[in-house]
Structures are given as structure tokens and as C-alpha cells.
Amino acid sequence: QAQAELNHYLSYLSSADKDALSIPFLEGLIAEHPGQLFIRRLLAEAYRKMGRREEAIRELESIGEDLVAAGDKPAAAQVIEAILALDPPEKEGYRQLLRQLRGSER
């Protein structure tokens, strides 16, 4: 339910043309609840929407590392795909990591 309410609030900010407020709001939530990956994903998406690509990539990398550490390689592969969609530098390294993650899913 918290996730649905958070998505609703972020939609409200977007519809009110106040997307910029979402980043400090989400950063504050993460400070209070650092283990909530769905909040961190929302922050990465907010960074992307605001043109802060490097910060989005950095946040997604951190999420991916946490997912690998937790043994959730399919979800980590999805995060790497999201990074690749941002056209990061050193794309080949991400592609190689994606191949490794997918190879270990089987």
C-alpha cells in the first residue's frame, strides 16, 4: 500500500508540473528507509526524468549490487537493462555483466 501511495503522490507532482520536488522528497525517504529498493528505483527514475543521467546510473548500479548480493540475479539483470537504456559510458562492461547474470539464472 505504501508503494501505491508513493506512486500516487509522485504522479500528482508530475501532473502539477512539480517533478523537481520528487527528488528531495525521495532522497529524504531513502535516508529514513535505505533498504527499500522500490524507493531507490523511483529516485533513479526521477533523476532520469530530470536529465540527471549520471546520478540515475549511479543509483541503479547500487540497486543492482544489492540485488546481486541478495541473490536476485533476474532483478539485477533488469536493472542492468535499465542502465543500458540510459546509454552509459563503458556499455560493453554492462553488456558483459548482463550476459553473466543471465548465464547464472539458468
PDB file of N, CA and C in Angstrom:
ATOM      1  N   GLN A   1       0.825  -1.186   0.000  1.00  0.00           N
ATOM      2  CA  GLN A   1       0.000   0.000   0.000  1.00  0.00           C
ATOM      3  C   GLN A   1       0.874   1.257   0.000  1.00  0.00           C
ATOM      4  N   ALA A   2       1.970   1.228   0.740  1.00  0.00           N
ATOM      5  CA  ALA A   2       2.867   2.393   0.774  1.00  0.00           C
ATOM      6  C   ALA A   2       3.402   2.700  -0.627  1.00  0.00           C
ATOM      7  N   GLN A   3       3.712   1.649  -1.367  1.00  0.00           N
ATOM      8  CA  GLN A   3       4.224   1.847  -2.721  1.00  0.00           C
ATOM      9  C   GLN A   3       3.168   2.509  -3.605  1.00  0.00           C
ATOM     10  N   ALA A   4       1.932   2.081  -3.498  1.00  0.00           N
ATOM     11  CA  ALA A   4       0.850   2.666  -4.293  1.00  0.00           C
ATOM     12  C   ALA A   4       0.645   4.133  -3.927  1.00  0.00           C
ATOM     13  N   GLU A   5       0.685   4.437  -2.635  1.00  0.00           N
ATOM     14  CA  GLU A   5       0.517   5.830  -2.201  1.00  0.00           C
ATOM     15  C   GLU A   5       1.668   6.700  -2.683  1.00  0.00           C
ATOM     16  N   LEU A   6       2.863   6.159  -2.638  1.00  0.00           N
ATOM     17  CA  LEU A   6       4.025   6.901  -3.108  1.00  0.00           C
ATOM     18  C   LEU A   6       3.917   7.164  -4.608  1.00  0.00           C
ATOM     19  N   ASN A   7       3.528   6.153  -5.368  1.00  0.00           N
ATOM     20  CA  ASN A   7       3.343   6.343  -6.805  1.00  0.00           C
ATOM     21  C   ASN A   7       2.271   7.385  -7.091  1.00  0.00           C
ATOM     22  N   HIS A   8       1.203   7.378  -6.310  1.00  0.00           N
ATOM     23  CA  HIS A   8       0.127   8.354  -6.482  1.00  0.00           C
ATOM     24  C   HIS A   8       0.644   9.769  -6.225  1.00  0.00           C
ATOM     25  N   TYR A   9       1.414   9.938  -5.154  1.00  0.00           N
ATOM     26  CA  TYR A   9       1.957  11.257  -4.832  1.00  0.00           C
ATOM     27  C   TYR A   9       2.909  11.738  -5.930  1.00  0.00           C
ATOM     28  N   LEU A  10       3.753  10.855  -6.425  1.00  0.00           N
ATOM     29  CA  LEU A  10       4.685  11.243  -7.489  1.00  0.00           C
ATOM     30  C   LEU A  10       3.934  11.589  -8.775  1.00  0.00           C
ATOM     31  N   SER A  11       2.851  10.886  -9.045  1.00  0.00           N
ATOM     32  CA  SER A  11       2.011  11.220 -10.203  1.00  0.00           C
ATOM     33  C   SER A  11       1.396  12.600 -10.028  1.00  0.00           C
ATOM     34  N   TYR A  12       0.967  12.885  -8.809  1.00  0.00           N
ATOM     35  CA  TYR A  12       0.418  14.217  -8.522  1.00  0.00           C
ATOM     36  C   TYR A  12       1.466  15.298  -8.789  1.00  0.00           C
ATOM     37  N   LEU A  13       2.672  15.099  -8.286  1.00  0.00           N
ATOM     38  CA  LEU A  13       3.733  16.088  -8.511  1.00  0.00           C
ATOM     39  C   LEU A  13       3.976  16.287  -9.997  1.00  0.00           C
ATOM     40  N   SER A  14       3.987  15.199 -10.740  1.00  0.00           N
ATOM     41  CA  SER A  14       4.218  15.280 -12.172  1.00  0.00           C
ATOM     42  C   SER A  14       3.087  16.043 -12.865  1.00  0.00           C
ATOM     43  N   SER A  15       1.853  15.736 -12.507  1.00  0.00           N
ATOM     44  CA  SER A  15       0.717  16.405 -13.144  1.00  0.00           C
ATOM     45  C   SER A  15       0.640  17.875 -12.758  1.00  0.00           C
ATOM     46  N   ALA A  16       1.185  18.226 -11.610  1.00  0.00           N
ATOM     47  CA  ALA A  16       1.202  19.620 -11.169  1.00  0.00           C
ATOM     48  C   ALA A  16       2.464  20.343 -11.649  1.00  0.00           C
ATOM     49  N   ASP A  17       3.223  19.678 -12.526  1.00  0.00           N
ATOM     50  CA  ASP A  17       4.465  20.233 -13.066  1.00  0.00           C
ATOM     51  C   ASP A  17       5.464  20.572 -11.953  1.00  0.00           C
ATOM     52  N   LYS A  18       5.521  19.701 -10.955  1.00  0.00           N
ATOM     53  CA  LYS A  18       6.432  19.889  -9.819  1.00  0.00           C
ATOM     54  C   LYS A  18       7.359  18.691  -9.658  1.00  0.00           C
ATOM     55  N   ASP A  19       7.783  18.123 -10.809  1.00  0.00           N
ATOM     56  CA  ASP A  19       8.665  16.953 -10.779  1.00  0.00           C
ATOM     57  C   ASP A  19       9.928  17.196  -9.958  1.00  0.00           C
ATOM     58  N   ALA A  20      10.441  18.407  -9.975  1.00  0.00           N
ATOM     59  CA  ALA A  20      11.687  18.708  -9.270  1.00  0.00           C
ATOM     60  C   ALA A  20      11.559  18.444  -7.768  1.00  0.00           C
ATOM     61  N   LEU A  21      10.356  18.522  -7.230  1.00  0.00           N
ATOM     62  CA  LEU A  21      10.158  18.269  -5.798  1.00  0.00           C
ATOM     63  C   LEU A  21      10.280  16.788  -5.448  1.00  0.00           C
ATOM     64  N   SER A  22      10.149  15.933  -6.450  1.00  0.00           N
ATOM     65  CA  SER A  22      10.185  14.497  -6.162  1.00  0.00           C
ATOM     66  C   SER A  22      11.565  14.038  -5.695  1.00  0.00           C
ATOM     67  N   ILE A  23      12.616  14.652  -6.224  1.00  0.00           N
ATOM     68  CA  ILE A  23      13.965  14.189  -5.870  1.00  0.00           C
ATOM     69  C   ILE A  23      14.286  14.414  -4.397  1.00  0.00           C
ATOM     70  N   PRO A  24      14.153  15.628  -3.860  1.00  0.00           N
ATOM     71  CA  PRO A  24      14.446  15.763  -2.424  1.00  0.00           C
ATOM     72  C   PRO A  24      13.496  14.955  -1.547  1.00  0.00           C
ATOM     73  N   PHE A  25      12.256  14.814  -1.988  1.00  0.00           N
ATOM     74  CA  PHE A  25      11.301  14.007  -1.231  1.00  0.00           C
ATOM     75  C   PHE A  25      11.772  12.553  -1.163  1.00  0.00           C
ATOM     76  N   LEU A  26      12.123  11.985  -2.324  1.00  0.00           N
ATOM     77  CA  LEU A  26      12.583  10.592  -2.373  1.00  0.00           C
ATOM     78  C   LEU A  26      13.911  10.415  -1.647  1.00  0.00           C
ATOM     79  N   GLU A  27      14.809  11.376  -1.780  1.00  0.00           N
ATOM     80  CA  GLU A  27      16.087  11.284  -1.057  1.00  0.00           C
ATOM     81  C   GLU A  27      15.852  11.253   0.448  1.00  0.00           C
ATOM     82  N   GLY A  28      14.888  12.030   0.922  1.00  0.00           N
ATOM     83  CA  GLY A  28      14.553  12.001   2.346  1.00  0.00           C
ATOM     84  C   GLY A  28      13.989  10.659   2.781  1.00  0.00           C
ATOM     85  N   LEU A  29      13.124  10.090   1.943  1.00  0.00           N
ATOM     86  CA  LEU A  29      12.577   8.769   2.257  1.00  0.00           C
ATOM     87  C   LEU A  29      13.667   7.709   2.307  1.00  0.00           C
ATOM     88  N   ILE A  30      14.608   7.805   1.388  1.00  0.00           N
ATOM     89  CA  ILE A  30      15.700   6.828   1.363  1.00  0.00           C
ATOM     90  C   ILE A  30      16.578   6.967   2.602  1.00  0.00           C
ATOM     91  N   ALA A  31      16.772   8.191   3.056  1.00  0.00           N
ATOM     92  CA  ALA A  31      17.552   8.388   4.280  1.00  0.00           C
ATOM     93  C   ALA A  31      16.881   7.697   5.462  1.00  0.00           C
ATOM     94  N   GLU A  32      15.540   7.693   5.468  1.00  0.00           N
ATOM     95  CA  GLU A  32      14.800   7.043   6.543  1.00  0.00           C
ATOM     96  C   GLU A  32      14.675   5.534   6.340  1.00  0.00           C
ATOM     97  N   HIS A  33      14.614   5.102   5.071  1.00  0.00           N
ATOM     98  CA  HIS A  33      14.384   3.690   4.749  1.00  0.00           C
ATOM     99  C   HIS A  33      15.349   3.239   3.651  1.00  0.00           C
ATOM    100  N   PRO A  34      16.646   3.152   3.954  1.00  0.00           N
ATOM    101  CA  PRO A  34      17.632   2.866   2.901  1.00  0.00           C
ATOM    102  C   PRO A  34      17.492   1.490   2.252  1.00  0.00           C
ATOM    103  N   GLY A  35      16.852   0.562   2.900  1.00  0.00           N
ATOM    104  CA  GLY A  35      16.723  -0.780   2.350  1.00  0.00           C
ATOM    105  C   GLY A  35      15.554  -0.957   1.390  1.00  0.00           C
ATOM    106  N   GLN A  36      14.757   0.067   1.198  1.00  0.00           N
ATOM    107  CA  GLN A  36      13.580  -0.036   0.334  1.00  0.00           C
ATOM    108  C   GLN A  36      13.975   0.200  -1.116  1.00  0.00           C
ATOM    109  N   LEU A  37      14.217  -0.886  -1.831  1.00  0.00           N
ATOM    110  CA  LEU A  37      14.690  -0.774  -3.211  1.00  0.00           C
ATOM    111  C   LEU A  37      13.677  -0.099  -4.129  1.00  0.00           C
ATOM    112  N   PHE A  38      12.384  -0.262  -3.864  1.00  0.00           N
ATOM    113  CA  PHE A  38      11.405   0.369  -4.750  1.00  0.00           C
ATOM    114  C   PHE A  38      11.493   1.886  -4.669  1.00  0.00           C
ATOM    115  N   ILE A  39      11.846   2.429  -3.511  1.00  0.00           N
ATOM    116  CA  ILE A  39      12.020   3.886  -3.392  1.00  0.00           C
ATOM    117  C   ILE A  39      13.260   4.311  -4.164  1.00  0.00           C
ATOM    118  N   ARG A  40      14.305   3.524  -4.065  1.00  0.00           N
ATOM    119  CA  ARG A  40      15.534   3.853  -4.789  1.00  0.00           C
ATOM    120  C   ARG A  40      15.326   3.771  -6.296  1.00  0.00           C
ATOM    121  N   ARG A  41      14.501   2.819  -6.762  1.00  0.00           N
ATOM    122  CA  ARG A  41      14.174   2.747  -8.196  1.00  0.00           C
ATOM    123  C   ARG A  41      13.416   4.001  -8.629  1.00  0.00           C
ATOM    124  N   LEU A  42      12.489   4.443  -7.785  1.00  0.00           N
ATOM    125  CA  LEU A  42      11.744   5.663  -8.097  1.00  0.00           C
ATOM    126  C   LEU A  42      12.674   6.872  -8.153  1.00  0.00           C
ATOM    127  N   LEU A  43      13.656   6.904  -7.260  1.00  0.00           N
ATOM    128  CA  LEU A  43      14.620   8.000  -7.284  1.00  0.00           C
ATOM    129  C   LEU A  43      15.438   7.970  -8.564  1.00  0.00           C
ATOM    130  N   ALA A  44      15.873   6.799  -8.964  1.00  0.00           N
ATOM    131  CA  ALA A  44      16.636   6.682 -10.214  1.00  0.00           C
ATOM    132  C   ALA A  44      15.799   7.174 -11.391  1.00  0.00           C
ATOM    133  N   GLU A  45      14.524   6.824 -11.404  1.00  0.00           N
ATOM    134  CA  GLU A  45      13.631   7.276 -12.475  1.00  0.00           C
ATOM    135  C   GLU A  45      13.443   8.790 -12.420  1.00  0.00           C
ATOM    136  N   ALA A  46      13.343   9.351 -11.223  1.00  0.00           N
ATOM    137  CA  ALA A  46      13.215  10.806 -11.085  1.00  0.00           C
ATOM    138  C   ALA A  46      14.477  11.496 -11.600  1.00  0.00           C
ATOM    139  N   TYR A  47      15.631  10.956 -11.252  1.00  0.00           N
ATOM    140  CA  TYR A  47      16.886  11.519 -11.784  1.00  0.00           C
ATOM    141  C   TYR A  47      16.862  11.492 -13.314  1.00  0.00           C
ATOM    142  N   ARG A  48      16.447  10.364 -13.888  1.00  0.00           N
ATOM    143  CA  ARG A  48      16.404  10.249 -15.348  1.00  0.00           C
ATOM    144  C   ARG A  48      15.473  11.295 -15.948  1.00  0.00           C
ATOM    145  N   LYS A  49      14.292  11.432 -15.369  1.00  0.00           N
ATOM    146  CA  LYS A  49      13.318  12.392 -15.893  1.00  0.00           C
ATOM    147  C   LYS A  49      13.836  13.828 -15.830  1.00  0.00           C
ATOM    148  N   MET A  50      14.659  14.111 -14.841  1.00  0.00           N
ATOM    149  CA  MET A  50      15.183  15.467 -14.670  1.00  0.00           C
ATOM    150  C   MET A  50      16.504  15.669 -15.424  1.00  0.00           C
ATOM    151  N   GLY A  51      16.903  14.681 -16.213  1.00  0.00           N
ATOM    152  CA  GLY A  51      18.121  14.809 -17.004  1.00  0.00           C
ATOM    153  C   GLY A  51      19.399  14.580 -16.226  1.00  0.00           C
ATOM    154  N   ARG A  52      19.293  13.981 -15.069  1.00  0.00           N
ATOM    155  CA  ARG A  52      20.456  13.715 -14.227  1.00  0.00           C
ATOM    156  C   ARG A  52      20.889  12.262 -14.428  1.00  0.00           C
ATOM    157  N   ARG A  53      21.332  11.997 -15.652  1.00  0.00           N
ATOM    158  CA  ARG A  53      21.653  10.631 -16.099  1.00  0.00           C
ATOM    159  C   ARG A  53      22.709   9.961 -15.237  1.00  0.00           C
ATOM    160  N   GLU A  54      23.793  10.664 -14.923  1.00  0.00           N
ATOM    161  CA  GLU A  54      24.873  10.046 -14.144  1.00  0.00           C
ATOM    162  C   GLU A  54      24.380   9.610 -12.770  1.00  0.00           C
ATOM    163  N   GLU A  55      23.544  10.434 -12.146  1.00  0.00           N
ATOM    164  CA  GLU A  55      23.015  10.070 -10.837  1.00  0.00           C
ATOM    165  C   GLU A  55      22.052   8.891 -10.950  1.00  0.00           C
ATOM    166  N   ALA A  56      21.276   8.857 -12.025  1.00  0.00           N
ATOM    167  CA  ALA A  56      20.377   7.719 -12.252  1.00  0.00           C
ATOM    168  C   ALA A  56      21.186   6.441 -12.404  1.00  0.00           C
ATOM    169  N   ILE A  57      22.235   6.504 -13.185  1.00  0.00           N
ATOM    170  CA  ILE A  57      23.094   5.327 -13.387  1.00  0.00           C
ATOM    171  C   ILE A  57      23.720   4.894 -12.069  1.00  0.00           C
ATOM    172  N   ARG A  58      24.230   5.842 -11.318  1.00  0.00           N
ATOM    173  CA  ARG A  58      24.867   5.524 -10.031  1.00  0.00           C
ATOM    174  C   ARG A  58      23.868   4.848  -9.078  1.00  0.00           C
ATOM    175  N   GLU A  59      22.649   5.361  -9.034  1.00  0.00           N
ATOM    176  CA  GLU A  59      21.640   4.765  -8.156  1.00  0.00           C
ATOM    177  C   GLU A  59      21.270   3.360  -8.631  1.00  0.00           C
ATOM    178  N   LEU A  60      21.109   3.196  -9.937  1.00  0.00           N
ATOM    179  CA  LEU A  60      20.785   1.876 -10.479  1.00  0.00           C
ATOM    180  C   LEU A  60      21.917   0.879 -10.242  1.00  0.00           C
ATOM    181  N   GLU A  61      23.158   1.329 -10.362  1.00  0.00           N
ATOM    182  CA  GLU A  61      24.297   0.446 -10.077  1.00  0.00           C
ATOM    183  C   GLU A  61      24.231  -0.060  -8.640  1.00  0.00           C
ATOM    184  N   SER A  62      23.944   0.843  -7.720  1.00  0.00           N
ATOM    185  CA  SER A  62      23.859   0.474  -6.310  1.00  0.00           C
ATOM    186  C   SER A  62      22.726  -0.524  -6.068  1.00  0.00           C
ATOM    187  N   ILE A  63      21.594  -0.290  -6.710  1.00  0.00           N
ATOM    188  CA  ILE A  63      20.467  -1.221  -6.590  1.00  0.00           C
ATOM    189  C   ILE A  63      20.865  -2.590  -7.142  1.00  0.00           C
ATOM    190  N   GLY A  64      21.505  -2.595  -8.304  1.00  0.00           N
ATOM    191  CA  GLY A  64      21.944  -3.851  -8.908  1.00  0.00           C
ATOM    192  C   GLY A  64      22.883  -4.627  -8.009  1.00  0.00           C
ATOM    193  N   GLU A  65      23.815  -3.920  -7.383  1.00  0.00           N
ATOM    194  CA  GLU A  65      24.747  -4.575  -6.462  1.00  0.00           C
ATOM    195  C   GLU A  65      24.002  -5.207  -5.293  1.00  0.00           C
ATOM    196  N   ASP A  66      23.022  -4.484  -4.763  1.00  0.00           N
ATOM    197  CA  ASP A  66      22.243  -5.021  -3.648  1.00  0.00           C
ATOM    198  C   ASP A  66      21.448  -6.256  -4.070  1.00  0.00           C
ATOM    199  N   LEU A  67      20.911  -6.219  -5.279  1.00  0.00           N
ATOM    200  CA  LEU A  67      20.140  -7.361  -5.773  1.00  0.00           C
ATOM    201  C   LEU A  67      21.029  -8.579  -5.990  1.00  0.00           C
ATOM    202  N   VAL A  68      22.228  -8.371  -6.525  1.00  0.00           N
ATOM    203  CA  VAL A  68      23.169  -9.482  -6.706  1.00  0.00           C
ATOM    204  C   VAL A  68      23.546 -10.057  -5.347  1.00  0.00           C
ATOM    205  N   ALA A  69      23.826  -9.190  -4.387  1.00  0.00           N
ATOM    206  CA  ALA A  69      24.186  -9.651  -3.047  1.00  0.00           C
ATOM    207  C   ALA A  69      23.053 -10.452  -2.403  1.00  0.00           C
ATOM    208  N   ALA A  70      21.814 -10.078  -2.733  1.00  0.00           N
ATOM    209  CA  ALA A  70      20.656 -10.794  -2.192  1.00  0.00           C
ATOM    210  C   ALA A  70      20.334 -12.052  -2.993  1.00  0.00           C
ATOM    211  N   GLY A  71      21.076 -12.280  -4.084  1.00  0.00           N
ATOM    212  CA  GLY A  71      20.856 -13.471  -4.896  1.00  0.00           C
ATOM    213  C   GLY A  71      19.750 -13.337  -5.921  1.00  0.00           C
ATOM    214  N   ASP A  72      19.253 -12.133  -6.136  1.00  0.00           N
ATOM    215  CA  ASP A  72      18.160 -11.916  -7.099  1.00  0.00           C
ATOM    216  C   ASP A  72      18.738 -11.478  -8.438  1.00  0.00           C
ATOM    217  N   LYS A  73      19.335 -12.440  -9.127  1.00  0.00           N
ATOM    218  CA  LYS A  73      20.004 -12.133 -10.390  1.00  0.00           C
ATOM    219  C   LYS A  73      19.044 -11.730 -11.506  1.00  0.00           C
ATOM    220  N   PRO A  74      17.836 -12.298 -11.591  1.00  0.00           N
ATOM    221  CA  PRO A  74      16.909 -11.824 -12.634  1.00  0.00           C
ATOM    222  C   PRO A  74      16.555 -10.337 -12.463  1.00  0.00           C
ATOM    223  N   ALA A  75      16.317  -9.913 -11.236  1.00  0.00           N
ATOM    224  CA  ALA A  75      16.011  -8.497 -10.997  1.00  0.00           C
ATOM    225  C   ALA A  75      17.244  -7.633 -11.262  1.00  0.00           C
ATOM    226  N   ALA A  76      18.423  -8.135 -10.908  1.00  0.00           N
ATOM    227  CA  ALA A  76      19.656  -7.395 -11.184  1.00  0.00           C
ATOM    228  C   ALA A  76      19.843  -7.228 -12.690  1.00  0.00           C
ATOM    229  N   ALA A  77      19.505  -8.249 -13.464  1.00  0.00           N
ATOM    230  CA  ALA A  77      19.612  -8.159 -14.922  1.00  0.00           C
ATOM    231  C   ALA A  77      18.677  -7.078 -15.457  1.00  0.00           C
ATOM    232  N   GLN A  78      17.490  -6.968 -14.888  1.00  0.00           N
ATOM    233  CA  GLN A  78      16.565  -5.910 -15.306  1.00  0.00           C
ATOM    234  C   GLN A  78      17.137  -4.529 -15.011  1.00  0.00           C
ATOM    235  N   VAL A  79      17.820  -4.404 -13.897  1.00  0.00           N
ATOM    236  CA  VAL A  79      18.431  -3.122 -13.544  1.00  0.00           C
ATOM    237  C   VAL A  79      19.546  -2.780 -14.538  1.00  0.00           C
ATOM    238  N   ILE A  80      20.338  -3.772 -14.924  1.00  0.00           N
ATOM    239  CA  ILE A  80      21.401  -3.534 -15.903  1.00  0.00           C
ATOM    240  C   ILE A  80      20.801  -3.127 -17.237  1.00  0.00           C
ATOM    241  N   GLU A  81      19.679  -3.724 -17.609  1.00  0.00           N
ATOM    242  CA  GLU A  81      18.991  -3.307 -18.838  1.00  0.00           C
ATOM    243  C   GLU A  81      18.554  -1.843 -18.746  1.00  0.00           C
ATOM    244  N   ALA A  82      18.082  -1.431 -17.562  1.00  0.00           N
ATOM    245  CA  ALA A  82      17.676  -0.037 -17.366  1.00  0.00           C
ATOM    246  C   ALA A  82      18.886   0.892 -17.490  1.00  0.00           C
ATOM    247  N   ILE A  83      20.037   0.456 -16.992  1.00  0.00           N
ATOM    248  CA  ILE A  83      21.259   1.250 -17.126  1.00  0.00           C
ATOM    249  C   ILE A  83      21.627   1.376 -18.598  1.00  0.00           C
ATOM    250  N   LEU A  84      21.592   0.278 -19.320  1.00  0.00           N
ATOM    251  CA  LEU A  84      21.929   0.304 -20.745  1.00  0.00           C
ATOM    252  C   LEU A  84      20.994   1.227 -21.527  1.00  0.00           C
ATOM    253  N   ALA A  85      19.742   1.315 -21.115  1.00  0.00           N
ATOM    254  CA  ALA A  85      18.786   2.209 -21.774  1.00  0.00           C
ATOM    255  C   ALA A  85      19.165   3.678 -21.586  1.00  0.00           C
ATOM    256  N   LEU A  86      19.993   3.958 -20.591  1.00  0.00           N
ATOM    257  CA  LEU A  86      20.448   5.331 -20.337  1.00  0.00           C
ATOM    258  C   LEU A  86      21.707   5.682 -21.129  1.00  0.00           C
ATOM    259  N   ASP A  87      22.168   4.763 -21.976  1.00  0.00           N
ATOM    260  CA  ASP A  87      23.352   4.979 -22.812  1.00  0.00           C
ATOM    261  C   ASP A  87      24.567   5.376 -21.972  1.00  0.00           C
ATOM    262  N   PRO A  88      24.961   4.488 -21.054  1.00  0.00           N
ATOM    263  CA  PRO A  88      26.080   4.811 -20.163  1.00  0.00           C
ATOM    264  C   PRO A  88      27.422   4.710 -20.881  1.00  0.00           C
ATOM    265  N   PRO A  89      28.436   5.361 -20.325  1.00  0.00           N
ATOM    266  CA  PRO A  89      29.781   5.096 -20.839  1.00  0.00           C
ATOM    267  C   PRO A  89      30.136   3.643 -20.497  1.00  0.00           C
ATOM    268  N   GLU A  90      31.068   3.099 -21.221  1.00  0.00           N
ATOM    269  CA  GLU A  90      31.520   1.722 -20.978  1.00  0.00           C
ATOM    270  C   GLU A  90      30.367   0.724 -21.078  1.00  0.00           C
ATOM    271  N   LYS A  91      29.573   0.859 -22.148  1.00  0.00           N
ATOM    272  CA  LYS A  91      28.426  -0.026 -22.355  1.00  0.00           C
ATOM    273  C   LYS A  91      28.820  -1.496 -22.380  1.00  0.00           C
ATOM    274  N   GLU A  92      29.986  -1.784 -22.948  1.00  0.00           N
ATOM    275  CA  GLU A  92      30.378  -3.188 -23.080  1.00  0.00           C
ATOM    276  C   GLU A  92      30.524  -3.866 -21.720  1.00  0.00           C
ATOM    277  N   GLY A  93      30.999  -3.148 -20.728  1.00  0.00           N
ATOM    278  CA  GLY A  93      31.102  -3.719 -19.384  1.00  0.00           C
ATOM    279  C   GLY A  93      29.744  -4.108 -18.831  1.00  0.00           C
ATOM    280  N   TYR A  94      28.752  -3.259 -19.070  1.00  0.00           N
ATOM    281  CA  TYR A  94      27.389  -3.580 -18.630  1.00  0.00           C
ATOM    282  C   TYR A  94      26.824  -4.758 -19.413  1.00  0.00           C
ATOM    283  N   ARG A  95      27.104  -4.794 -20.714  1.00  0.00           N
ATOM    284  CA  ARG A  95      26.625  -5.917 -21.529  1.00  0.00           C
ATOM    285  C   ARG A  95      27.227  -7.232 -21.049  1.00  0.00           C
ATOM    286  N   GLN A  96      28.514  -7.191 -20.711  1.00  0.00           N
ATOM    287  CA  GLN A  96      29.181  -8.397 -20.211  1.00  0.00           C
ATOM    288  C   GLN A  96      28.562  -8.824 -18.880  1.00  0.00           C
ATOM    289  N   LEU A  97      28.318  -7.880 -18.002  1.00  0.00           N
ATOM    290  CA  LEU A  97      27.688  -8.190 -16.720  1.00  0.00           C
ATOM    291  C   LEU A  97      26.295  -8.781 -16.944  1.00  0.00           C
ATOM    292  N   LEU A  98      25.554  -8.222 -17.886  1.00  0.00           N
ATOM    293  CA  LEU A  98      24.225  -8.733 -18.198  1.00  0.00           C
ATOM    294  C   LEU A  98      24.299 -10.184 -18.681  1.00  0.00           C
ATOM    295  N   ARG A  99      25.279 -10.470 -19.541  1.00  0.00           N
ATOM    296  CA  ARG A  99      25.454 -11.856 -20.009  1.00  0.00           C
ATOM    297  C   ARG A  99      25.771 -12.779 -18.841  1.00  0.00           C
ATOM    298  N   GLN A 100      26.627 -12.323 -17.937  1.00  0.00           N
ATOM    299  CA  GLN A 100      26.974 -13.148 -16.763  1.00  0.00           C
ATOM    300  C   GLN A 100      25.742 -13.407 -15.896  1.00  0.00           C
ATOM    301  N   LEU A 101      24.967 -12.365 -15.663  1.00  0.00           N
ATOM    302  CA  LEU A 101      23.769 -12.513 -14.826  1.00  0.00           C
ATOM    303  C   LEU A 101      22.766 -13.461 -15.472  1.00  0.00           C
ATOM    304  N   ARG A 102      22.572 -13.319 -16.751  1.00  0.00           N
ATOM    305  CA  ARG A 102      21.629 -14.187 -17.446  1.00  0.00           C
ATOM    306  C   ARG A 102      22.138 -15.618 -17.518  1.00  0.00           C
ATOM    307  N   GLY A 103      23.439 -15.774 -17.642  1.00  0.00           N
ATOM    308  CA  GLY A 103      24.009 -17.116 -17.660  1.00  0.00           C
ATOM    309  C   GLY A 103      23.844 -17.819 -16.330  1.00  0.00           C
ATOM    310  N   SER A 104      23.885 -17.068 -15.241  1.00  0.00           N
ATOM    311  CA  SER A 104      23.768 -17.674 -13.933  1.00  0.00           C
ATOM    312  C   SER A 104      22.306 -17.854 -13.510  1.00  0.00           C
ATOM    313  N   GLU A 105      21.362 -17.331 -14.305  1.00  0.00           N
ATOM    314  CA  GLU A 105      19.950 -17.520 -13.982  1.00  0.00           C
ATOM    315  C   GLU A 105      19.502 -18.939 -14.310  1.00  0.00           C
ATOM    316  N   ARG A 106      20.195 -19.564 -15.226  1.00  0.00           N
ATOM    317  CA  ARG A 106      19.764 -20.883 -15.715  1.00  0.00           C
ATOM    318  C   ARG A 106      20.128 -22.003 -14.803  1.00  0.00           C
TER     319      ARG A 106
END
